[in-house]
Protein backbone atom coordinates (compact mmCIF):
# COMPACT_ATOMS: atom_id res chain seq x y z
CA MET A 1 -0.11 -0.36 -0.02
CA SER A 2 1.19 3.73 -0.91
CA LEU A 3 1.87 5.90 1.70
CA ASP A 4 -0.54 8.42 0.35
CA LYS A 5 -3.00 5.95 0.59
CA GLU A 6 -2.59 4.44 3.98
CA TRP A 7 -2.64 8.20 5.05
CA PHE A 8 -5.74 8.91 3.16
CA GLN A 9 -7.40 5.54 5.02
CA ASN A 10 -5.90 6.48 8.58
CA GLU A 11 -7.34 9.81 8.09
CA LEU A 12 -10.92 8.36 7.54
CA TYR A 13 -10.30 6.35 10.40
CA GLU A 14 -9.18 9.23 12.96
CA ARG A 15 -12.24 11.10 12.08
CA GLU A 16 -14.73 8.40 12.45
CA ILE A 17 -13.16 7.93 15.85
CA SER A 18 -13.04 11.70 16.47
CA ASN A 19 -9.92 11.28 17.96
CA SER A 20 -9.06 15.08 18.37
CA HIS A 21 -5.51 16.38 19.43
CA ARG A 22 -5.67 18.91 22.30
CA PRO A 23 -5.77 22.61 21.09
CA MET A 24 -2.13 24.08 20.58
CA GLU A 25 -3.35 27.17 23.11
CA ASP A 26 -3.00 25.20 25.41
CA GLU A 27 -0.08 23.68 24.96
CA TYR A 28 1.42 27.44 24.32
CA THR A 29 0.17 28.66 27.60
CA PHE A 30 1.66 25.70 29.39
CA TYR A 31 5.36 26.44 27.64
CA SER A 32 5.15 29.75 27.97
CA ALA A 33 4.38 29.95 31.43
CA VAL A 34 7.64 28.03 31.94
CA ARG A 35 9.68 30.43 29.94
CA SER A 36 7.79 33.30 32.20
CA GLY A 37 8.93 31.03 35.60
CA ASP A 38 5.16 30.99 36.50
CA LEU A 39 5.31 28.50 38.93
CA GLU A 40 1.90 28.54 40.07
CA ALA A 41 0.59 28.29 36.57
CA VAL A 42 2.81 25.61 36.42
CA GLN A 43 2.24 23.65 39.08
CA ASN A 44 -1.16 24.17 38.85
CA ASN A 45 -0.84 22.53 35.08
CA LEU A 46 0.89 19.80 36.69
CA ASP A 47 -1.65 19.03 39.57
CA LYS A 48 -3.78 18.35 36.66
CA LYS A 49 -1.78 15.61 35.65
CA VAL A 50 -2.44 16.92 31.85
CA PHE A 51 0.36 15.25 31.14
CA ALA A 52 -0.46 11.93 32.11
CA ASP A 53 -3.65 12.08 30.39
CA PRO A 54 -3.72 10.61 27.55
CA THR A 55 -6.80 12.22 26.17
CA GLY A 56 -5.74 14.32 23.12
CA MET A 57 -2.40 13.45 23.34
CA GLY A 58 -1.59 11.86 20.26
CA ILE A 59 -0.63 8.66 19.09
CA LEU A 60 3.16 8.45 18.33
CA SER A 61 3.18 4.20 18.91
CA LYS A 62 0.88 1.70 19.71
CA ASN A 63 2.83 0.66 22.92
CA PRO A 64 2.04 3.46 25.60
CA LEU A 65 4.82 2.97 27.56
CA THR A 66 7.03 3.98 24.08
CA ASN A 67 4.41 6.61 23.45
CA LYS A 68 4.80 8.18 26.49
CA LYS A 69 8.57 8.36 25.88
CA TYR A 70 8.01 9.90 22.44
CA HIS A 71 5.35 12.70 24.15
CA PHE A 72 8.32 13.35 27.15
CA VAL A 73 11.22 14.14 24.57
CA ILE A 74 8.66 16.40 22.89
CA THR A 75 7.98 18.20 25.78
CA THR A 76 11.18 18.26 26.70
CA ALA A 77 12.41 19.79 23.63
CA MET A 78 9.89 22.49 23.35
CA ILE A 79 10.49 23.81 26.95
CA THR A 80 13.97 24.00 26.53
CA ARG A 81 13.81 26.41 23.15
CA TYR A 82 10.96 28.26 25.53
CA CYS A 83 13.39 28.51 27.82
CA VAL A 84 16.06 29.70 25.42
CA GLU A 85 14.24 32.02 23.94
CA GLY A 86 12.97 33.35 27.39
CA GLY A 87 16.89 33.91 27.97
CA MET A 88 18.24 30.85 30.02
CA GLU A 89 21.50 29.93 28.50
CA LEU A 90 22.23 28.10 25.61
CA GLU A 91 24.65 25.29 26.98
CA GLN A 92 22.80 25.28 30.63
CA ALA A 93 19.25 24.43 28.09
CA TYR A 94 20.25 21.64 26.15
CA ARG A 95 22.15 19.79 29.25
CA LEU A 96 19.31 20.18 31.13
CA SER A 97 17.51 18.46 27.94
CA ASP A 98 19.73 15.93 27.39
CA PHE A 99 19.85 14.74 31.23
CA TYR A 100 16.07 14.22 31.31
CA ILE A 101 16.15 12.54 28.25
CA LEU A 102 18.81 10.02 29.04
CA LYS A 103 16.71 9.59 32.85
CA MET A 104 13.39 8.95 30.76
CA ASP A 105 15.19 6.47 28.83
CA SER A 106 15.65 4.24 31.52
CA CYS A 107 12.35 4.48 33.03
CA ASN A 108 10.01 1.50 32.70
CA SER A 109 6.85 2.67 33.63
CA GLU A 110 4.32 5.29 32.36
CA GLN A 111 4.17 6.49 36.10
CA ALA A 112 8.19 7.00 36.28
CA ILE A 113 7.77 8.72 33.59
CA ASP A 114 5.20 10.92 35.04
CA GLU A 115 7.04 11.69 37.79
CA LEU A 116 10.02 12.46 35.57
CA HIS A 117 7.86 15.17 33.84
CA ARG A 118 6.80 16.61 36.57
CA LYS A 119 10.34 16.96 38.24
CA MET A 120 11.82 17.83 34.52
CA THR A 121 8.81 20.95 34.55
CA LEU A 122 9.64 22.39 38.10
CA ASP A 123 13.38 22.06 37.31
CA PHE A 124 12.78 24.50 34.28
CA THR A 125 10.53 26.65 35.76
CA ASN A 126 11.95 27.02 38.84
CA LYS A 127 15.34 28.64 37.05
CA MET A 128 13.35 30.11 34.90
CA HIS A 129 11.85 32.04 38.01
CA LEU A 130 15.24 32.95 39.10
CA LEU A 131 16.55 34.26 35.79
CA LYS A 132 13.33 36.44 35.93
CA LYS A 133 14.15 38.25 38.90
CA ASN A 134 17.25 39.77 37.61
CA THR A 135 16.76 42.52 34.97
CA VAL A 136 16.71 42.45 30.97
CA LEU A 137 20.88 41.57 30.36
CA SER A 138 22.43 43.22 27.19
CA LYS A 139 23.55 40.82 24.77
CA PRO A 140 27.38 41.26 25.52
CA ILE A 141 26.66 39.92 28.86
CA THR A 142 24.34 37.58 28.15
CA LEU A 143 27.31 35.78 25.76
CA CYS A 144 30.02 36.12 28.85
CA ILE A 145 27.30 34.63 31.20
CA ASP A 146 26.83 31.33 28.33
CA TYR A 147 30.92 31.09 27.98
CA ILE A 148 31.12 31.14 32.01
CA TYR A 149 29.54 28.07 31.38
CA LYS A 150 30.94 26.10 29.31
CA HIS A 151 34.06 26.67 29.95
CA ILE A 152 33.89 27.01 33.89
CA ASN A 153 36.14 24.09 34.31
CA ASP A 154 38.77 26.58 32.60
CA ARG A 155 40.58 29.51 33.45
CA ILE A 156 38.75 32.32 32.43
CA THR A 157 39.55 35.87 33.06
CA VAL A 158 37.96 39.42 32.52
CA ASP A 159 40.34 39.92 29.53
CA ILE A 160 39.33 36.41 27.55
CA LEU A 161 36.17 37.56 28.07
CA SER A 162 36.28 41.13 26.64
CA GLU A 163 38.51 39.25 23.91
CA TYR A 164 35.40 37.42 23.29
CA VAL A 165 33.07 40.06 23.21
CA LYS A 166 34.84 42.60 21.69
CA LEU A 167 34.87 45.21 24.42
CA SER A 168 37.37 46.63 26.11
CA THR A 169 37.78 45.09 29.96
CA SER A 170 36.89 48.04 31.21
CA TYR A 171 34.08 48.85 30.13
CA LEU A 172 32.87 45.14 30.06
CA SER A 173 33.58 45.25 33.83
CA ARG A 174 31.23 48.26 34.43
CA LEU A 175 28.60 46.84 32.43
CA PHE A 176 28.43 43.45 33.77
CA LYS A 177 28.69 45.36 37.49
CA LYS A 178 25.60 47.30 36.31
CA GLU A 179 23.84 44.34 35.17
CA LEU A 180 24.08 41.79 38.14
CA GLY A 181 25.71 43.62 40.79
CA ILE A 182 28.73 41.50 40.54
CA SER A 183 31.80 42.20 39.66
CA VAL A 184 33.32 39.94 36.69
CA SER A 185 35.99 37.95 38.89
CA ASP A 186 33.23 37.00 41.91
CA TYR A 187 30.81 36.26 39.26
CA ILE A 188 33.15 33.48 38.21
CA ARG A 189 34.18 32.14 41.87
CA GLU A 190 30.92 31.95 42.35
CA LYS A 191 29.86 29.35 39.54
CA LYS A 192 33.68 27.68 40.05
CA ILE A 193 32.50 26.73 43.52
CA GLU A 194 28.32 25.98 42.93
CA ASN A 195 30.38 23.31 40.81
CA ALA A 196 32.43 22.66 43.78
CA GLN A 197 29.65 22.07 45.22
CA ASN A 198 27.95 19.32 43.10
CA LEU A 199 31.50 17.53 42.74
CA LEU A 200 31.58 17.17 46.13
CA LYS A 201 28.23 16.39 46.98
CA TYR A 202 27.96 13.67 43.74
CA THR A 203 31.44 12.18 43.38
CA ASP A 204 34.21 10.85 44.92
CA TYR A 205 37.03 13.45 43.68
CA SER A 206 39.56 14.22 45.77
CA LEU A 207 40.11 18.24 46.94
CA VAL A 208 43.20 18.45 44.81
CA GLU A 209 41.04 16.65 41.73
CA ILE A 210 38.36 19.19 42.14
CA ALA A 211 41.06 22.18 42.48
CA ASN A 212 42.57 21.25 38.92
CA TYR A 213 39.10 20.39 37.57
CA LEU A 214 38.24 23.72 38.24
CA SER A 215 41.69 25.51 37.25
CA PHE A 216 42.77 27.09 40.89
CA SER A 217 45.80 27.68 41.10
CA SER A 218 46.43 25.36 44.34
CA GLU A 219 44.22 23.01 46.38
CA SER A 220 44.87 25.59 49.22
CA HIS A 221 43.77 28.15 46.91
CA PHE A 222 40.62 26.03 46.13
CA ILE A 223 39.71 25.32 50.07
CA HIS A 224 40.63 28.89 50.84
CA VAL A 225 37.93 30.46 48.22
CA PHE A 226 35.65 27.68 48.87
CA GLU A 227 35.29 28.35 52.79
CA ASP A 228 34.95 32.05 52.60
CA MET A 229 31.84 31.86 50.42
CA VAL A 230 30.30 28.82 51.46
CA GLY A 231 31.46 29.01 55.43
CA MET A 232 32.91 25.64 55.86
CA THR A 233 35.45 23.81 54.09
CA PRO A 234 35.34 21.50 51.39
CA LYS A 235 35.75 18.23 53.33
CA LYS A 236 33.12 19.61 55.74
CA TYR A 237 30.24 20.21 52.78
CA ARG A 238 30.84 16.73 51.72
CA ASP A 239 30.73 14.97 55.06
CA THR A 240 27.77 17.05 55.41
CA TYR A 241 25.94 16.73 52.12
CA TYR A 242 27.32 13.92 49.99
CA ARG A 243 24.94 12.45 48.12
CA ALA A 244 22.07 13.56 50.79
CA SER A 245 19.37 14.37 47.18
CA TRP A 246 19.05 13.16 43.55
């Protein structure tokens, strides 16, 4: 049977059983709520279990589990693109997307996918909520933030960033401080320490390995900066929070 004939017969069948898809406006409203960091609207959608209800979802596979997985991928991809349009760092958005899709791939029940969808959606929404608290950022600062995120394990300086965005170091420093309320060097340190906290919680890397990975000048320098920003030594932090949460 040709594809054209098969499509026509399928179209007739779908019309007969009135198997309609959900209104696109509902989906766009949901994605827009995630993009704007509207926690209340997103939570309301999740409480209604819209994703868990197959009605109007569309059949992408005759296997219910596979069908749910396909829709999870589509939803995650749409949320990712909406959030990038809303100002999320490009690399961060794609890494989040890859992370959750890989987690979904190992789910063996529809209920597990529904729960992961809830976590994924709230994760993106919370990140956008925090992002929206800041003022609208200029293109050079947005580029700098994205560069820092992608190169967090490298040595990053104001000179490197100014060359990247084609601005003088003095002007970039003033612009960064004006828009983010923090100096470039302090922002870089904050992001490196955030990564160090995750490495301490979720890996077995030694302190010297973490210091080297994040391009601190030495282990002692890493310990000093960490303690200054977190209020406890890296060892104390690991002892307290190691694998404390997912």
